[in-house]
C-alpha atoms as a PDB file:
ATOM      1  CA  MET A   1    -109.223 -33.232 162.358  1.00  0.00           C
ATOM      2  CA  ALA A   2    -109.435 -29.365 162.183  1.00  0.00           C
ATOM      3  CA  PHE A   3    -106.068 -27.451 161.221  1.00  0.00           C
ATOM      4  CA  ILE A   4    -105.909 -23.148 161.931  1.00  0.00           C
ATOM      5  CA  TRP A   5    -103.870 -21.575 160.142  1.00  0.00           C
ATOM      6  CA  THR A   6    -102.940 -17.866 158.790  1.00  0.00           C
ATOM      7  CA  GLY A   7    -100.995 -18.185 155.166  1.00  0.00           C
ATOM      8  CA  LEU A   8     -98.705 -20.981 154.508  1.00  0.00           C
ATOM      9  CA  ASP A   9     -96.324 -20.606 157.392  1.00  0.00           C
ATOM     10  CA  GLY A  10     -98.588 -21.481 160.179  1.00  0.00           C
ATOM     11  CA  LEU A  11     -99.564 -24.562 158.236  1.00  0.00           C
ATOM     12  CA  LYS A  12     -96.115 -26.039 158.103  1.00  0.00           C
ATOM     13  CA  ALA A  13     -95.527 -25.108 161.240  1.00  0.00           C
ATOM     14  CA  ASP A  14     -98.257 -27.240 162.349  1.00  0.00           C
ATOM     15  CA  LEU A  15     -97.551 -30.178 161.072  1.00  0.00           C
ATOM     16  CA  ARG A  16     -93.961 -29.639 161.918  1.00  0.00           C
ATOM     17  CA  GLY A  17     -95.421 -29.951 165.524  1.00  0.00           C
ATOM     18  CA  MET A  18     -97.311 -33.368 165.795  1.00  0.00           C
ATOM     19  CA  PRO A  19     -95.057 -35.682 164.992  1.00  0.00           C
ATOM     20  CA  GLU A  20     -93.569 -34.051 168.136  1.00  0.00           C
ATOM     21  CA  ARG A  21     -96.655 -33.821 169.804  1.00  0.00           C
ATOM     22  CA  LEU A  22     -97.433 -37.784 168.940  1.00  0.00           C
ATOM     23  CA  THR A  23     -94.066 -39.342 169.952  1.00  0.00           C
ATOM     24  CA  LYS A  24     -94.307 -37.335 173.654  1.00  0.00           C
ATOM     25  CA  ALA A  25     -98.022 -38.364 174.181  1.00  0.00           C
ATOM     26  CA  ALA A  26     -97.581 -42.272 172.398  1.00  0.00           C
ATOM     27  CA  THR A  27     -94.199 -41.784 175.334  1.00  0.00           C
ATOM     28  CA  ASN A  28     -96.746 -41.481 177.611  1.00  0.00           C
ATOM     29  CA  ILE A  29     -98.442 -43.687 177.379  1.00  0.00           C
ATOM     30  CA  CYS A  30     -95.937 -46.759 176.335  1.00  0.00           C
ATOM     31  CA  VAL A  31     -94.153 -45.673 179.657  1.00  0.00           C
ATOM     32  CA  HIS A  32     -97.200 -45.426 181.696  1.00  0.00           C
ATOM     33  CA  ARG A  33     -98.248 -49.409 180.789  1.00  0.00           C
ATOM     34  CA  ALA A  34     -94.689 -50.169 181.597  1.00  0.00           C
ATOM     35  CA  ASN A  35     -95.032 -49.304 185.104  1.00  0.00           C
ATOM     36  CA  ILE A  36     -98.319 -50.631 185.558  1.00  0.00           C
ATOM     37  CA  ALA A  37     -96.902 -53.769 184.697  1.00  0.00           C
ATOM     38  CA  ARG A  38     -94.121 -53.318 186.297  1.00  0.00           C
ATOM     39  CA  GLY A  39     -96.795 -52.984 189.111  1.00  0.00           C
ATOM     40  CA  LYS A  40     -98.772 -55.809 188.911  1.00  0.00           C
ATOM     41  CA  ILE A  41     -96.561 -57.719 188.331  1.00  0.00           C
ATOM     42  CA  ASP A  42     -93.913 -57.552 191.125  1.00  0.00           C
ATOM     43  CA  ALA A  43     -97.393 -57.958 193.251  1.00  0.00           C
ATOM     44  CA  ALA A  44     -98.604 -60.890 192.239  1.00  0.00           C
ATOM     45  CA  TYR A  45     -95.159 -63.319 192.666  1.00  0.00           C
ATOM     46  CA  PRO A  46     -95.070 -65.157 195.439  1.00  0.00           C
ATOM     47  CA  LEU A  47     -94.059 -65.045 199.400  1.00  0.00           C
ATOM     48  CA  GLY A  48     -90.916 -66.963 200.200  1.00  0.00           C
ATOM     49  CA  PRO A  49     -88.401 -67.702 198.658  1.00  0.00           C
ATOM     50  CA  GLU A  50     -89.125 -71.025 197.324  1.00  0.00           C
ATOM     51  CA  LYS A  51     -91.905 -70.003 195.965  1.00  0.00           C
ATOM     52  CA  GLY A  52     -90.530 -67.043 194.362  1.00  0.00           C
ATOM     53  CA  GLY A  53     -90.283 -64.362 196.349  1.00  0.00           C
ATOM     54  CA  HIS A  54     -86.746 -63.202 195.242  1.00  0.00           C
ATOM     55  CA  LEU A  55     -88.274 -61.651 192.207  1.00  0.00           C
ATOM     56  CA  LYS A  56     -90.824 -59.513 194.446  1.00  0.00           C
ATOM     57  CA  GLY A  57     -88.459 -56.029 193.972  1.00  0.00           C
ATOM     58  CA  LYS A  58     -86.504 -56.714 190.562  1.00  0.00           C
ATOM     59  CA  THR A  59     -88.474 -55.429 188.254  1.00  0.00           C
ATOM     60  CA  LYS A  60     -87.707 -52.708 185.898  1.00  0.00           C
ATOM     61  CA  VAL A  61     -88.360 -50.429 183.245  1.00  0.00           C
ATOM     62  CA  THR A  62     -86.382 -48.934 180.692  1.00  0.00           C
ATOM     63  CA  VAL A  63     -86.875 -46.366 178.585  1.00  0.00           C
ATOM     64  CA  GLN A  64     -85.426 -45.744 174.914  1.00  0.00           C
ATOM     65  CA  ALA A  65     -87.001 -42.553 173.284  1.00  0.00           C
ATOM     66  CA  ASN A  66     -85.877 -40.214 170.719  1.00  0.00           C
ATOM     67  CA  GLU A  67     -88.036 -37.883 168.144  1.00  0.00           C
ATOM     68  CA  HIS A  68     -88.833 -40.911 166.716  1.00  0.00           C
ATOM     69  CA  GLY A  69     -90.844 -43.251 168.405  1.00  0.00           C
ATOM     70  CA  VAL A  70     -90.163 -44.817 172.192  1.00  0.00           C
ATOM     71  CA  ILE A  71     -89.598 -48.768 173.493  1.00  0.00           C
ATOM     72  CA  ALA A  72     -90.371 -49.155 177.367  1.00  0.00           C
ATOM     73  CA  THR A  73     -88.617 -52.878 178.129  1.00  0.00           C
ATOM     74  CA  VAL A  74     -90.258 -53.968 181.550  1.00  0.00           C
ATOM     75  CA  ARG A  75     -88.040 -57.173 182.672  1.00  0.00           C
ATOM     76  CA  ASN A  76     -86.921 -59.369 185.810  1.00  0.00           C
ATOM     77  CA  ASN A  77     -83.093 -60.026 185.558  1.00  0.00           C
ATOM     78  CA  ALA A  78     -83.372 -61.904 189.025  1.00  0.00           C
ATOM     79  CA  LYS A  79     -81.259 -64.883 188.567  1.00  0.00           C
ATOM     80  CA  ASN A  80     -83.907 -67.762 188.549  1.00  0.00           C
ATOM     81  CA  ALA A  81     -87.199 -65.726 186.200  1.00  0.00           C
ATOM     82  CA  LEU A  82     -86.922 -67.480 183.660  1.00  0.00           C
ATOM     83  CA  SER A  83     -87.192 -70.617 185.677  1.00  0.00           C
ATOM     84  CA  PHE A  84     -89.636 -69.134 187.038  1.00  0.00           C
ATOM     85  CA  GLU A  85     -92.111 -68.187 184.686  1.00  0.00           C
ATOM     86  CA  TYR A  86     -91.623 -71.147 181.792  1.00  0.00           C
ATOM     87  CA  GLY A  87     -91.260 -73.760 184.977  1.00  0.00           C
ATOM     88  CA  THR A  88     -88.176 -76.630 185.144  1.00  0.00           C
ATOM     89  CA  GLN A  89     -88.095 -79.850 183.448  1.00  0.00           C
ATOM     90  CA  VAL A  90     -87.046 -82.608 186.349  1.00  0.00           C
ATOM     91  CA  ARG A  91     -83.944 -81.078 188.512  1.00  0.00           C
ATOM     92  CA  ARG A  92     -81.445 -82.705 190.734  1.00  0.00           C
ATOM     93  CA  ASN A  93     -78.964 -81.068 193.068  1.00  0.00           C
ATOM     94  CA  SER A  94     -75.380 -81.167 193.226  1.00  0.00           C
ATOM     95  CA  LYS A  95     -76.006 -84.405 195.231  1.00  0.00           C
ATOM     96  CA  ASN A  96     -78.478 -85.768 192.970  1.00  0.00           C
ATOM     97  CA  SER A  97     -80.859 -85.980 194.961  1.00  0.00           C
ATOM     98  CA  ASN A  98     -84.282 -85.987 193.006  1.00  0.00           C
ATOM     99  CA  ARG A  99     -86.105 -82.219 193.377  1.00  0.00           C
ATOM    100  CA  GLY A 100     -88.893 -83.201 191.020  1.00  0.00           C
ATOM    101  CA  ALA A 101     -89.893 -80.052 188.287  1.00  0.00           C
ATOM    102  CA  ALA A 102     -91.175 -76.646 188.632  1.00  0.00           C
ATOM    103  CA  PRO A 103     -95.008 -75.645 186.946  1.00  0.00           C
ATOM    104  CA  PRO A 104     -94.379 -72.982 185.493  1.00  0.00           C
ATOM    105  CA  GLY A 105     -95.360 -69.423 187.691  1.00  0.00           C
ATOM    106  CA  ASN A 106     -97.206 -67.874 184.649  1.00  0.00           C
ATOM    107  CA  VAL A 107     -96.978 -64.480 186.120  1.00  0.00           C
ATOM    108  CA  PHE A 108     -94.597 -61.703 184.354  1.00  0.00           C
ATOM    109  CA  MET A 109     -96.241 -63.045 180.274  1.00  0.00           C
ATOM    110  CA  PRO A 110    -100.155 -62.966 181.053  1.00  0.00           C
ATOM    111  CA  ILE A 111     -99.467 -59.390 183.067  1.00  0.00           C
ATOM    112  CA  ALA A 112     -96.899 -57.825 180.002  1.00  0.00           C
ATOM    113  CA  ASP A 113     -99.237 -59.210 177.601  1.00  0.00           C
ATOM    114  CA  ARG A 114    -102.540 -56.934 178.738  1.00  0.00           C
ATOM    115  CA  GLU A 115    -100.471 -54.286 179.651  1.00  0.00           C
ATOM    116  CA  GLN A 116     -99.382 -54.596 176.031  1.00  0.00           C
ATOM    117  CA  GLU A 117    -102.564 -54.642 175.069  1.00  0.00           C
ATOM    118  CA  ALA A 118    -103.981 -51.830 176.429  1.00  0.00           C
ATOM    119  CA  ALA A 119    -100.890 -49.627 175.682  1.00  0.00           C
ATOM    120  CA  HIS A 120    -101.730 -50.808 171.906  1.00  0.00           C
ATOM    121  CA  ALA A 121    -105.706 -49.364 171.828  1.00  0.00           C
ATOM    122  CA  GLU A 122    -104.034 -45.806 173.525  1.00  0.00           C
ATOM    123  CA  LEU A 123    -102.027 -45.767 170.732  1.00  0.00           C
ATOM    124  CA  VAL A 124    -104.894 -46.160 168.659  1.00  0.00           C
ATOM    125  CA  ASP A 125    -107.003 -43.460 170.402  1.00  0.00           C
ATOM    126  CA  LEU A 126    -104.929 -41.391 170.813  1.00  0.00           C
ATOM    127  CA  LEU A 127    -104.115 -41.132 166.731  1.00  0.00           C
ATOM    128  CA  VAL A 128    -107.639 -41.653 165.791  1.00  0.00           C
ATOM    129  CA  ARG A 129    -108.652 -38.487 168.402  1.00  0.00           C
ATOM    130  CA  ASN A 130    -105.935 -36.687 166.549  1.00  0.00           C
ATOM    131  CA  GLY A 131    -107.521 -36.760 163.047  1.00  0.00           C
ATOM    132  CA  HIS A 132    -105.742 -40.751 161.603  1.00  0.00           C
ATOM    133  CA  GLU A 133    -107.064 -43.534 159.908  1.00  0.00           C
ATOM    134  CA  VAL A 134    -106.538 -46.216 162.116  1.00  0.00           C
ATOM    135  CA  SER A 135    -107.575 -49.975 160.257  1.00  0.00           C
ATOM    136  CA  GLY A 136    -106.579 -53.527 161.478  1.00  0.00           C
ATOM    137  CA  ALA A 137    -105.946 -52.614 164.535  1.00  0.00           C
ATOM    138  CA  ARG A 138    -108.581 -52.924 166.853  1.00  0.00           C
END
């Protein structure tokens, strides 16, 4: 990293501004990757309510950010989102009829994991571009 400053005041200003610049860039990376994940997840859900179609359009991104960092959360708040993602054991309806087990959909987590890994790689690159040494992250 190269700093060009005139006197101690210039150095102090550069050092104070660096975390803010990095936080803004990191926020953009995290929010961008969360929105990519949301779009891919919604696109990957099958059509029709019997196959998980009720999950489409229910995936949302929430962002909590402050001067210290950001948390971008991707969540599907549909009633049966977890049952679809992870599957169910054998089920029975109110008349005690066997409805069988639902297999795992495996839509949300694989996509979310890939986008989180991509965000981590971009965050490491951001730090390296800004003169920081990063170890154990790649």
